[in-house]
Amino acid sequence: MPHYAFTLKEKKVIAKETMSFVFEFGDKEFNFKPGQFIDISIEDPKYKDDKGNVRAFSIASSPLDNYLMIASRLTDSAMKKSLAELEIGSLVHVDGPLGSFKLHSDKKVPVVIITGGIGITPFRSIIKNETENNSEQKIILIYSNRAPEDAAFVGDLEEWQAYNNNFNFVTRWTKEDGHIDEKFLKQHIKNLAAPFYYVAGPPGMVAGTTQLLIEIGVKEDNIKFEEFAGY
C-alpha cells in the first residue's frame, strides 16, 4: 500500500463539532478516485489511548485539487483530539487510497445519494469532480441532519448546484420532520426504482435507509452503501 507524509496546511470548523483538514502534497503525486478513503496516523500524537493512532477518513477533495481534504466529527478519542489540536505545518502519515465506493460508469442511469452527518465527505469529492468535469450524470443528493448547524459543506453544495444543471441538492432536517420515508422520496424522485442509490452515514441510518429502499422496490444490486462507525 502506498505511504505518504503530508503537511497540515489548514484546519477549520465547518459544522457543529466538525472540522475539515487540508494537507499539502508538496512535491509528491497523490492519485485517487472520488469516493475513496485513506488511513491517517499522527507522528508523536499529543494524546494516546487504547484505540490506537490510526483512523480511516473519506477523501473530501476532488482529484483535480492540488491538496488533500478530509473532515471529521470531533470526539473524545485521543486520535481525534490530537488531530483537532495539530499545529499548522505538522506532518501526518497517509496510507492509501483505499476502497471502491465510486459512481457507476453508465451516465444514463440517474444517481440518488442519501447521507447524513459526516457521511457527506465522500460525496463532496464525487459531486465536486462530476461538476468540474461537466458530467452529464444526473445526481440528487439528499442530506439529512438534525439541524442546519450539523450540516457540513452546505455552501459548497449550494454553489455547485447553482451552475450544475444535473445536480439537485435537497436538505432534510430530521428533528423537525422525522426520518426519510417513502413519501419524502417520492417528492423528489420521479421513478423510485430507476436510479442507482448510494447511502453513507451512521450504521443505523444506513441500515434503515437500505431496508426502506428494498421495501419500495429498489433492487439490492442498485444500492451501494458505506457505514461511518466509531465516531
C-alpha atoms as a PDB file:
ATOM      1  CA  MET A   1       0.000   0.000   0.000  1.00  0.00           C
ATOM      2  CA  PRO A   2       1.412   3.459  -0.922  1.00  0.00           C
ATOM      3  CA  HIS A   3       2.591   5.535   2.038  1.00  0.00           C
ATOM      4  CA  TYR A   4       2.893   9.334   2.170  1.00  0.00           C
ATOM      5  CA  ALA A   5       3.772  12.090   4.619  1.00  0.00           C
ATOM      6  CA  PHE A   6       1.758  15.280   4.073  1.00  0.00           C
ATOM      7  CA  THR A   7       1.832  18.654   5.816  1.00  0.00           C
ATOM      8  CA  LEU A   8      -1.208  20.193   7.502  1.00  0.00           C
ATOM      9  CA  LYS A   9      -1.986  23.418   5.640  1.00  0.00           C
ATOM     10  CA  GLU A  10      -5.355  24.450   7.068  1.00  0.00           C
ATOM     11  CA  LYS A  11      -7.972  23.378   9.597  1.00  0.00           C
ATOM     12  CA  LYS A  12     -11.318  24.964  10.383  1.00  0.00           C
ATOM     13  CA  VAL A  13     -14.716  24.334  11.928  1.00  0.00           C
ATOM     14  CA  ILE A  14     -17.261  23.573   9.185  1.00  0.00           C
ATOM     15  CA  ALA A  15     -20.270  22.461  11.287  1.00  0.00           C
ATOM     16  CA  LYS A  16     -21.160  21.726  14.885  1.00  0.00           C
ATOM     17  CA  GLU A  17     -18.336  19.655  16.410  1.00  0.00           C
ATOM     18  CA  THR A  18     -16.974  19.083  12.911  1.00  0.00           C
ATOM     19  CA  MET A  19     -13.659  20.186  11.372  1.00  0.00           C
ATOM     20  CA  SER A  20     -12.043  19.970   7.974  1.00  0.00           C
ATOM     21  CA  PHE A  21      -8.317  19.428   7.486  1.00  0.00           C
ATOM     22  CA  VAL A  22      -6.342  20.300   4.357  1.00  0.00           C
ATOM     23  CA  PHE A  23      -2.941  18.753   3.651  1.00  0.00           C
ATOM     24  CA  GLU A  24      -0.342  19.804   1.087  1.00  0.00           C
ATOM     25  CA  PHE A  25       1.071  17.266  -1.334  1.00  0.00           C
ATOM     26  CA  GLY A  26       4.392  19.089  -1.582  1.00  0.00           C
ATOM     27  CA  ASP A  27       6.420  17.614  -4.436  1.00  0.00           C
ATOM     28  CA  LYS A  28       4.564  14.293  -4.217  1.00  0.00           C
ATOM     29  CA  GLU A  29       1.881  12.983  -6.561  1.00  0.00           C
ATOM     30  CA  PHE A  30      -1.244  11.512  -4.999  1.00  0.00           C
ATOM     31  CA  ASN A  31      -3.803   9.887  -7.290  1.00  0.00           C
ATOM     32  CA  PHE A  32      -7.197   8.649  -6.166  1.00  0.00           C
ATOM     33  CA  LYS A  33     -10.771   8.184  -7.336  1.00  0.00           C
ATOM     34  CA  PRO A  34     -13.681  10.172  -5.861  1.00  0.00           C
ATOM     35  CA  GLY A  35     -15.290   8.153  -3.076  1.00  0.00           C
ATOM     36  CA  GLN A  36     -12.104   6.507  -1.839  1.00  0.00           C
ATOM     37  CA  PHE A  37     -10.656   6.821   1.668  1.00  0.00           C
ATOM     38  CA  ILE A  38      -7.263   6.906   3.401  1.00  0.00           C
ATOM     39  CA  ASP A  39      -5.761   5.803   6.706  1.00  0.00           C
ATOM     40  CA  ILE A  40      -4.180   8.641   8.678  1.00  0.00           C
ATOM     41  CA  SER A  41      -1.802   8.464  11.633  1.00  0.00           C
ATOM     42  CA  ILE A  42      -0.168  11.312  13.534  1.00  0.00           C
ATOM     43  CA  GLU A  43       3.527  11.443  14.275  1.00  0.00           C
ATOM     44  CA  ASP A  44       4.040  11.720  18.048  1.00  0.00           C
ATOM     45  CA  PRO A  45       0.363  12.442  18.914  1.00  0.00           C
ATOM     46  CA  LYS A  46      -0.448  14.732  21.830  1.00  0.00           C
ATOM     47  CA  TYR A  47      -2.976  12.254  23.264  1.00  0.00           C
ATOM     48  CA  LYS A  48      -2.927   8.443  23.393  1.00  0.00           C
ATOM     49  CA  ASP A  49      -5.482   5.761  24.265  1.00  0.00           C
ATOM     50  CA  ASP A  50      -6.143   2.079  23.629  1.00  0.00           C
ATOM     51  CA  LYS A  51      -7.984   2.848  20.369  1.00  0.00           C
ATOM     52  CA  GLY A  52      -4.682   3.492  18.639  1.00  0.00           C
ATOM     53  CA  ASN A  53      -3.356   6.243  16.410  1.00  0.00           C
ATOM     54  CA  VAL A  54      -4.787   5.260  13.020  1.00  0.00           C
ATOM     55  CA  ARG A  55      -8.186   6.258  11.610  1.00  0.00           C
ATOM     56  CA  ALA A  56      -9.857   5.897   8.235  1.00  0.00           C
ATOM     57  CA  PHE A  57     -11.139   9.095   6.607  1.00  0.00           C
ATOM     58  CA  SER A  58     -13.022   9.529   3.340  1.00  0.00           C
ATOM     59  CA  ILE A  59     -11.390  11.987   0.961  1.00  0.00           C
ATOM     60  CA  ALA A  60     -13.476  15.152   0.618  1.00  0.00           C
ATOM     61  CA  SER A  61     -11.391  16.906  -2.057  1.00  0.00           C
ATOM     62  CA  SER A  62     -11.500  16.067  -5.754  1.00  0.00           C
ATOM     63  CA  PRO A  63      -8.672  14.570  -7.862  1.00  0.00           C
ATOM     64  CA  LEU A  64      -8.283  17.950  -9.606  1.00  0.00           C
ATOM     65  CA  ASP A  65      -7.432  19.744  -6.345  1.00  0.00           C
ATOM     66  CA  ASN A  66      -3.766  20.272  -5.518  1.00  0.00           C
ATOM     67  CA  TYR A  67      -4.377  19.293  -1.906  1.00  0.00           C
ATOM     68  CA  LEU A  68      -5.951  16.546   0.190  1.00  0.00           C
ATOM     69  CA  MET A  69      -9.005  17.337   2.331  1.00  0.00           C
ATOM     70  CA  ILE A  70     -10.701  15.257   4.997  1.00  0.00           C
ATOM     71  CA  ALA A  71     -13.376  16.126   7.550  1.00  0.00           C
ATOM     72  CA  SER A  72     -14.277  14.641  10.900  1.00  0.00           C
ATOM     73  CA  ARG A  73     -16.755  14.838  13.722  1.00  0.00           C
ATOM     74  CA  LEU A  74     -14.787  15.670  16.864  1.00  0.00           C
ATOM     75  CA  THR A  75     -14.949  13.072  19.648  1.00  0.00           C
ATOM     76  CA  ASP A  76     -13.134  12.415  22.890  1.00  0.00           C
ATOM     77  CA  SER A  77     -10.877   9.785  21.283  1.00  0.00           C
ATOM     78  CA  ALA A  78      -7.177  10.530  21.670  1.00  0.00           C
ATOM     79  CA  MET A  79      -6.579  10.450  17.921  1.00  0.00           C
ATOM     80  CA  LYS A  80      -9.397  12.880  17.121  1.00  0.00           C
ATOM     81  CA  LYS A  81      -8.298  15.244  19.922  1.00  0.00           C
ATOM     82  CA  SER A  82      -4.708  15.103  18.663  1.00  0.00           C
ATOM     83  CA  LEU A  83      -5.845  15.819  15.121  1.00  0.00           C
ATOM     84  CA  ALA A  84      -8.006  18.770  16.207  1.00  0.00           C
ATOM     85  CA  GLU A  85      -5.098  20.333  18.113  1.00  0.00           C
ATOM     86  CA  LEU A  86      -2.466  19.596  15.478  1.00  0.00           C
ATOM     87  CA  GLU A  87      -0.384  22.662  14.638  1.00  0.00           C
ATOM     88  CA  ILE A  88      -0.258  24.000  11.086  1.00  0.00           C
ATOM     89  CA  GLY A  89       2.853  22.651   9.380  1.00  0.00           C
ATOM     90  CA  SER A  90       2.762  19.311  11.217  1.00  0.00           C
ATOM     91  CA  LEU A  91       3.218  16.071   9.331  1.00  0.00           C
ATOM     92  CA  VAL A  92       0.676  13.272   9.140  1.00  0.00           C
ATOM     93  CA  HIS A  93       1.211   9.814   7.699  1.00  0.00           C
ATOM     94  CA  VAL A  94      -1.186   8.708   4.981  1.00  0.00           C
ATOM     95  CA  ASP A  95      -1.734   5.211   3.607  1.00  0.00           C
ATOM     96  CA  GLY A  96      -3.904   4.644   0.569  1.00  0.00           C
ATOM     97  CA  PRO A  97      -6.022   5.424  -1.309  1.00  0.00           C
ATOM     98  CA  LEU A  98      -8.352   2.586  -0.392  1.00  0.00           C
ATOM     99  CA  GLY A  99     -11.878   1.441  -1.206  1.00  0.00           C
ATOM    100  CA  SER A 100     -14.153   1.225  -4.231  1.00  0.00           C
ATOM    101  CA  PHE A 101     -17.067   3.463  -3.197  1.00  0.00           C
ATOM    102  CA  LYS A 102     -17.443   5.234  -6.544  1.00  0.00           C
ATOM    103  CA  LEU A 103     -20.127   6.079  -9.080  1.00  0.00           C
ATOM    104  CA  HIS A 104     -21.175   3.519 -11.665  1.00  0.00           C
ATOM    105  CA  SER A 105     -19.993   4.122 -15.223  1.00  0.00           C
ATOM    106  CA  ASP A 106     -23.359   4.330 -17.049  1.00  0.00           C
ATOM    107  CA  LYS A 107     -24.206   8.049 -17.107  1.00  0.00           C
ATOM    108  CA  LYS A 108     -27.706   7.291 -18.395  1.00  0.00           C
ATOM    109  CA  VAL A 109     -28.730   5.814 -15.040  1.00  0.00           C
ATOM    110  CA  PRO A 110     -29.583   8.591 -12.554  1.00  0.00           C
ATOM    111  CA  VAL A 111     -27.943   8.696  -9.137  1.00  0.00           C
ATOM    112  CA  VAL A 112     -29.608   9.291  -5.780  1.00  0.00           C
ATOM    113  CA  ILE A 113     -27.309   9.904  -2.826  1.00  0.00           C
ATOM    114  CA  ILE A 114     -28.733   9.639   0.687  1.00  0.00           C
ATOM    115  CA  THR A 115     -26.459  10.603   3.540  1.00  0.00           C
ATOM    116  CA  GLY A 116     -26.309  12.168   6.952  1.00  0.00           C
ATOM    117  CA  GLY A 117     -23.757  13.897   9.153  1.00  0.00           C
ATOM    118  CA  ILE A 118     -20.126  13.313   8.277  1.00  0.00           C
ATOM    119  CA  GLY A 119     -21.212  10.731   5.695  1.00  0.00           C
ATOM    120  CA  ILE A 120     -21.215  13.662   3.273  1.00  0.00           C
ATOM    121  CA  THR A 121     -17.411  13.563   2.855  1.00  0.00           C
ATOM    122  CA  PRO A 122     -17.031  11.010   0.017  1.00  0.00           C
ATOM    123  CA  PHE A 123     -19.965  12.604  -1.808  1.00  0.00           C
ATOM    124  CA  ARG A 124     -18.385  16.051  -1.647  1.00  0.00           C
ATOM    125  CA  SER A 125     -15.465  14.569  -3.579  1.00  0.00           C
ATOM    126  CA  ILE A 126     -17.748  12.791  -6.060  1.00  0.00           C
ATOM    127  CA  ILE A 127     -20.036  15.773  -6.712  1.00  0.00           C
ATOM    128  CA  LYS A 128     -17.167  18.258  -6.993  1.00  0.00           C
ATOM    129  CA  ASN A 129     -15.436  16.001  -9.501  1.00  0.00           C
ATOM    130  CA  GLU A 130     -18.594  15.483 -11.583  1.00  0.00           C
ATOM    131  CA  THR A 131     -19.224  19.249 -11.604  1.00  0.00           C
ATOM    132  CA  GLU A 132     -15.643  20.131 -12.549  1.00  0.00           C
ATOM    133  CA  ASN A 133     -15.746  17.683 -15.443  1.00  0.00           C
ATOM    134  CA  ASN A 134     -19.115  18.947 -16.761  1.00  0.00           C
ATOM    135  CA  SER A 135     -20.519  15.450 -16.360  1.00  0.00           C
ATOM    136  CA  GLU A 136     -23.927  14.567 -17.775  1.00  0.00           C
ATOM    137  CA  GLN A 137     -24.602  12.349 -14.765  1.00  0.00           C
ATOM    138  CA  LYS A 138     -27.865  13.345 -13.086  1.00  0.00           C
ATOM    139  CA  ILE A 139     -27.457  13.368  -9.298  1.00  0.00           C
ATOM    140  CA  ILE A 140     -29.899  14.019  -6.475  1.00  0.00           C
ATOM    141  CA  LEU A 141     -28.266  14.466  -3.070  1.00  0.00           C
ATOM    142  CA  ILE A 142     -30.494  14.094  -0.002  1.00  0.00           C
ATOM    143  CA  TYR A 143     -28.548  15.321   3.015  1.00  0.00           C
ATOM    144  CA  SER A 144     -30.204  14.576   6.357  1.00  0.00           C
ATOM    145  CA  ASN A 145     -29.224  16.228   9.652  1.00  0.00           C
ATOM    146  CA  ARG A 146     -30.883  17.065  12.936  1.00  0.00           C
ATOM    147  CA  ALA A 147     -30.390  20.803  12.432  1.00  0.00           C
ATOM    148  CA  PRO A 148     -28.715  23.168   9.924  1.00  0.00           C
ATOM    149  CA  GLU A 149     -25.725  23.721  12.218  1.00  0.00           C
ATOM    150  CA  ASP A 150     -24.923  19.982  11.988  1.00  0.00           C
ATOM    151  CA  ALA A 151     -24.607  20.018   8.181  1.00  0.00           C
ATOM    152  CA  ALA A 152     -21.123  20.315   6.671  1.00  0.00           C
ATOM    153  CA  PHE A 153     -20.173  21.711   3.229  1.00  0.00           C
ATOM    154  CA  VAL A 154     -23.639  23.144   2.553  1.00  0.00           C
ATOM    155  CA  GLY A 155     -22.171  26.292   0.994  1.00  0.00           C
ATOM    156  CA  ASP A 156     -20.086  24.244  -1.445  1.00  0.00           C
ATOM    157  CA  LEU A 157     -23.032  22.048  -2.401  1.00  0.00           C
ATOM    158  CA  GLU A 158     -25.328  25.035  -2.979  1.00  0.00           C
ATOM    159  CA  GLU A 159     -22.665  26.675  -5.145  1.00  0.00           C
ATOM    160  CA  TRP A 160     -22.225  23.593  -7.326  1.00  0.00           C
ATOM    161  CA  GLN A 161     -25.980  23.209  -7.703  1.00  0.00           C
ATOM    162  CA  ALA A 162     -26.174  26.809  -8.958  1.00  0.00           C
ATOM    163  CA  TYR A 163     -24.167  26.046 -12.093  1.00  0.00           C
ATOM    164  CA  ASN A 164     -24.550  22.270 -12.484  1.00  0.00           C
ATOM    165  CA  ASN A 165     -27.963  21.654 -14.028  1.00  0.00           C
ATOM    166  CA  ASN A 166     -27.566  17.914 -13.466  1.00  0.00           C
ATOM    167  CA  PHE A 167     -27.148  18.228  -9.697  1.00  0.00           C
ATOM    168  CA  ASN A 168     -30.061  18.688  -7.285  1.00  0.00           C
ATOM    169  CA  PHE A 169     -29.301  19.305  -3.598  1.00  0.00           C
ATOM    170  CA  VAL A 170     -32.023  18.500  -1.044  1.00  0.00           C
ATOM    171  CA  THR A 171     -31.656  19.091   2.708  1.00  0.00           C
ATOM    172  CA  ARG A 172     -33.640  17.221   5.328  1.00  0.00           C
ATOM    173  CA  TRP A 173     -33.926  18.276   8.977  1.00  0.00           C
ATOM    174  CA  THR A 174     -34.947  15.114  10.840  1.00  0.00           C
ATOM    175  CA  LYS A 175     -35.531  16.858  14.189  1.00  0.00           C
ATOM    176  CA  GLU A 176     -38.453  18.769  12.683  1.00  0.00           C
ATOM    177  CA  ASP A 177     -39.852  16.462  10.049  1.00  0.00           C
ATOM    178  CA  GLY A 178     -38.974  12.899  11.003  1.00  0.00           C
ATOM    179  CA  HIS A 179     -36.811  10.400   9.171  1.00  0.00           C
ATOM    180  CA  ILE A 180     -36.642   9.888   5.423  1.00  0.00           C
ATOM    181  CA  ASP A 181     -39.598   7.833   4.274  1.00  0.00           C
ATOM    182  CA  GLU A 182     -41.250   6.777   1.021  1.00  0.00           C
ATOM    183  CA  LYS A 183     -43.413   9.902   0.907  1.00  0.00           C
ATOM    184  CA  PHE A 184     -40.367  12.164   1.150  1.00  0.00           C
ATOM    185  CA  LEU A 185     -38.503  10.243  -1.556  1.00  0.00           C
ATOM    186  CA  LYS A 186     -41.483  10.430  -3.915  1.00  0.00           C
ATOM    187  CA  GLN A 187     -41.482  14.223  -3.559  1.00  0.00           C
ATOM    188  CA  HIS A 188     -38.006  14.388  -5.115  1.00  0.00           C
ATOM    189  CA  ILE A 189     -37.649  11.248  -7.268  1.00  0.00           C
ATOM    190  CA  LYS A 190     -39.985  10.580 -10.217  1.00  0.00           C
ATOM    191  CA  ASN A 191     -39.352   6.837 -10.532  1.00  0.00           C
ATOM    192  CA  LEU A 192     -38.072   5.325  -7.290  1.00  0.00           C
ATOM    193  CA  ALA A 193     -36.892   2.103  -8.938  1.00  0.00           C
ATOM    194  CA  ALA A 194     -34.888   3.756 -11.735  1.00  0.00           C
ATOM    195  CA  PRO A 195     -31.819   5.322 -10.022  1.00  0.00           C
ATOM    196  CA  PHE A 196     -28.700   3.790  -8.585  1.00  0.00           C
ATOM    197  CA  TYR A 197     -28.635   4.612  -4.849  1.00  0.00           C
ATOM    198  CA  TYR A 198     -25.612   5.458  -2.710  1.00  0.00           C
ATOM    199  CA  VAL A 199     -26.042   5.564   1.058  1.00  0.00           C
ATOM    200  CA  ALA A 200     -23.470   6.592   3.677  1.00  0.00           C
ATOM    201  CA  GLY A 201     -23.628   7.624   7.304  1.00  0.00           C
ATOM    202  CA  PRO A 202     -24.016   6.120  10.787  1.00  0.00           C
ATOM    203  CA  PRO A 203     -24.745   2.350  10.766  1.00  0.00           C
ATOM    204  CA  GLY A 204     -28.333   2.769  11.988  1.00  0.00           C
ATOM    205  CA  MET A 205     -29.135   5.343   9.329  1.00  0.00           C
ATOM    206  CA  VAL A 206     -27.557   3.203   6.593  1.00  0.00           C
ATOM    207  CA  ALA A 207     -29.406   0.051   7.667  1.00  0.00           C
ATOM    208  CA  GLY A 208     -32.769   1.819   7.928  1.00  0.00           C
ATOM    209  CA  THR A 209     -32.418   3.609   4.587  1.00  0.00           C
ATOM    210  CA  THR A 210     -31.257   0.472   2.777  1.00  0.00           C
ATOM    211  CA  GLN A 211     -34.195  -1.507   4.154  1.00  0.00           C
ATOM    212  CA  LEU A 212     -36.611   1.245   3.086  1.00  0.00           C
ATOM    213  CA  LEU A 213     -35.236   1.251  -0.459  1.00  0.00           C
ATOM    214  CA  ILE A 214     -35.634  -2.520  -0.740  1.00  0.00           C
ATOM    215  CA  GLU A 215     -39.204  -2.332   0.595  1.00  0.00           C
ATOM    216  CA  ILE A 216     -40.196   0.266  -2.017  1.00  0.00           C
ATOM    217  CA  GLY A 217     -38.905  -1.902  -4.855  1.00  0.00           C
ATOM    218  CA  VAL A 218     -35.277  -0.899  -5.443  1.00  0.00           C
ATOM    219  CA  LYS A 219     -33.109  -3.862  -6.448  1.00  0.00           C
ATOM    220  CA  GLU A 220     -30.360  -4.684  -3.955  1.00  0.00           C
ATOM    221  CA  ASP A 221     -27.825  -4.588  -6.795  1.00  0.00           C
ATOM    222  CA  ASN A 222     -28.761  -0.928  -7.312  1.00  0.00           C
ATOM    223  CA  ILE A 223     -27.868   0.061  -3.741  1.00  0.00           C
ATOM    224  CA  LYS A 224     -24.323   0.748  -2.610  1.00  0.00           C
ATOM    225  CA  PHE A 225     -23.626   1.735   0.974  1.00  0.00           C
ATOM    226  CA  GLU A 226     -20.835   2.630   3.367  1.00  0.00           C
ATOM    227  CA  GLU A 227     -21.082   2.843   7.151  1.00  0.00           C
ATOM    228  CA  PHE A 228     -19.357   5.503   9.209  1.00  0.00           C
ATOM    229  CA  ALA A 229     -18.912   3.899  12.621  1.00  0.00           C
ATOM    230  CA  GLY A 230     -16.770   4.705  15.639  1.00  0.00           C
ATOM    231  CA  TYR A 231     -17.400   8.426  15.911  1.00  0.00           C
END
